[in-house]
Amino acid sequence: MKTSFDINNQEDNELKNSFPNLSKISKENPFKVPEDYFESLPAIIQEKCVKPAGIRNRIYARVLKPHYIMMVSLALVLTGLMVYKPIMQNFSNRSL
């Protein structure tokens, strides 16, 4: 009966024979994680997710400002109509 160790050795030998250049590559992990990286990561993420101080200005610019523009536009149109109507009535009452 073959053990898992024998099977692994047999697979390793097959890989070495099939791909000789692959066996020359080091099996060590070339990447290193800084010490206490995963312990400090949540604090780093939360620090970057804090709302900036200028959030109120952005809300004003995105939400309230269009409403003010519409109100001012409507007020200008109504004012223009109120001024234009009496002028036209006076003009039509004149005799040529």
Protein backbone atom coordinates (compact mmCIF):
# COMPACT_ATOMS: atom_id res chain seq x y z
CA MET A 1 0.00 0.00 0.00
CA LYS A 2 1.30 3.42 -0.98
CA THR A 3 1.31 6.13 1.62
CA SER A 4 0.57 9.78 0.88
CA PHE A 5 4.32 10.46 1.26
CA ASP A 6 5.10 7.97 -1.52
CA ILE A 7 2.42 9.50 -3.74
CA ASN A 8 3.79 13.00 -3.15
CA ASN A 9 7.33 11.85 -3.95
CA GLN A 10 6.10 10.12 -7.08
CA GLU A 11 4.25 13.30 -8.17
CA ASP A 12 7.34 15.40 -7.44
CA ASN A 13 9.49 13.11 -9.56
CA GLU A 14 6.98 13.26 -12.42
CA LEU A 15 6.96 17.06 -12.25
CA LYS A 16 10.77 17.20 -12.18
CA ASN A 17 10.95 14.97 -15.23
CA SER A 18 8.22 16.84 -17.11
CA PHE A 19 9.31 20.35 -16.19
CA PRO A 20 12.99 20.45 -15.21
CA ASN A 21 13.15 24.26 -15.09
CA LEU A 22 10.27 24.37 -12.66
CA SER A 23 12.17 22.30 -10.13
CA LYS A 24 15.00 24.87 -10.14
CA ILE A 25 12.72 27.56 -8.72
CA SER A 26 13.06 28.10 -5.00
CA LYS A 27 10.10 26.99 -2.90
CA GLU A 28 10.59 29.79 -0.38
CA ASN A 29 8.02 32.56 -0.18
CA PRO A 30 9.69 35.76 -1.46
CA PHE A 31 7.04 37.99 0.09
CA LYS A 32 7.06 39.18 3.67
CA VAL A 33 4.32 40.83 5.66
CA PRO A 34 5.32 43.58 8.10
CA GLU A 35 5.07 42.59 11.72
CA ASP A 36 1.65 43.28 13.32
CA TYR A 37 0.26 44.21 9.89
CA PHE A 38 -3.04 42.41 10.31
CA GLU A 39 -3.49 43.68 13.86
CA SER A 40 -3.11 47.32 12.80
CA LEU A 41 -4.93 47.03 9.45
CA PRO A 42 -8.49 47.65 10.76
CA ALA A 43 -7.38 50.88 12.45
CA ILE A 44 -5.69 52.05 9.25
CA ILE A 45 -8.81 51.34 7.21
CA GLN A 46 -11.10 53.09 9.69
CA GLU A 47 -8.81 56.10 9.74
CA LYS A 48 -9.12 56.42 5.97
CA CYS A 49 -12.92 55.98 6.09
CA VAL A 50 -13.54 58.96 8.39
CA LYS A 51 -15.79 61.54 6.78
CA PRO A 52 -13.89 64.65 5.77
CA ALA A 53 -14.71 67.93 7.49
CA GLY A 54 -16.03 69.52 4.30
CA ILE A 55 -18.93 67.08 3.92
CA ARG A 56 -21.50 69.76 4.74
CA ASN A 57 -20.26 71.93 1.90
CA ARG A 58 -20.61 69.05 -0.54
CA ILE A 59 -24.16 68.36 0.66
CA TYR A 60 -25.01 72.02 0.13
CA ALA A 61 -23.50 71.98 -3.35
CA ARG A 62 -25.20 68.75 -4.44
CA VAL A 63 -28.60 68.93 -2.75
CA LEU A 64 -29.52 72.43 -1.66
CA LYS A 65 -27.88 74.53 -4.32
CA PRO A 66 -30.06 73.22 -7.20
CA HIS A 67 -33.19 74.04 -5.16
CA TYR A 68 -31.99 77.60 -4.60
CA ILE A 69 -31.24 77.98 -8.31
CA MET A 70 -34.75 76.82 -9.21
CA MET A 71 -36.35 79.18 -6.66
CA VAL A 72 -34.35 82.17 -7.89
CA SER A 73 -35.16 81.32 -11.51
CA LEU A 74 -38.88 81.09 -10.72
CA ALA A 75 -38.75 84.39 -8.81
CA LEU A 76 -37.06 86.10 -11.78
CA VAL A 77 -39.64 84.74 -14.23
CA LEU A 78 -42.55 85.84 -12.03
CA THR A 79 -41.00 89.27 -11.47
CA GLY A 80 -40.46 89.62 -15.22
CA LEU A 81 -44.09 88.72 -15.90
CA MET A 82 -45.33 91.18 -13.29
CA VAL A 83 -43.29 93.97 -14.87
CA TYR A 84 -43.99 93.00 -18.48
CA LYS A 85 -47.80 92.66 -18.16
CA PRO A 86 -48.50 96.27 -16.99
CA ILE A 87 -46.15 97.63 -19.66
CA MET A 88 -48.01 95.71 -22.36
CA GLN A 89 -51.39 96.86 -20.99
CA ASN A 90 -50.23 100.50 -21.06
CA PHE A 91 -48.91 100.05 -24.55
CA SER A 92 -52.16 98.50 -25.83
CA ASN A 93 -54.27 101.29 -24.21
CA ARG A 94 -52.44 104.00 -26.14
CA SER A 95 -53.97 105.17 -29.33
CA LEU A 96 -51.87 105.45 -32.44
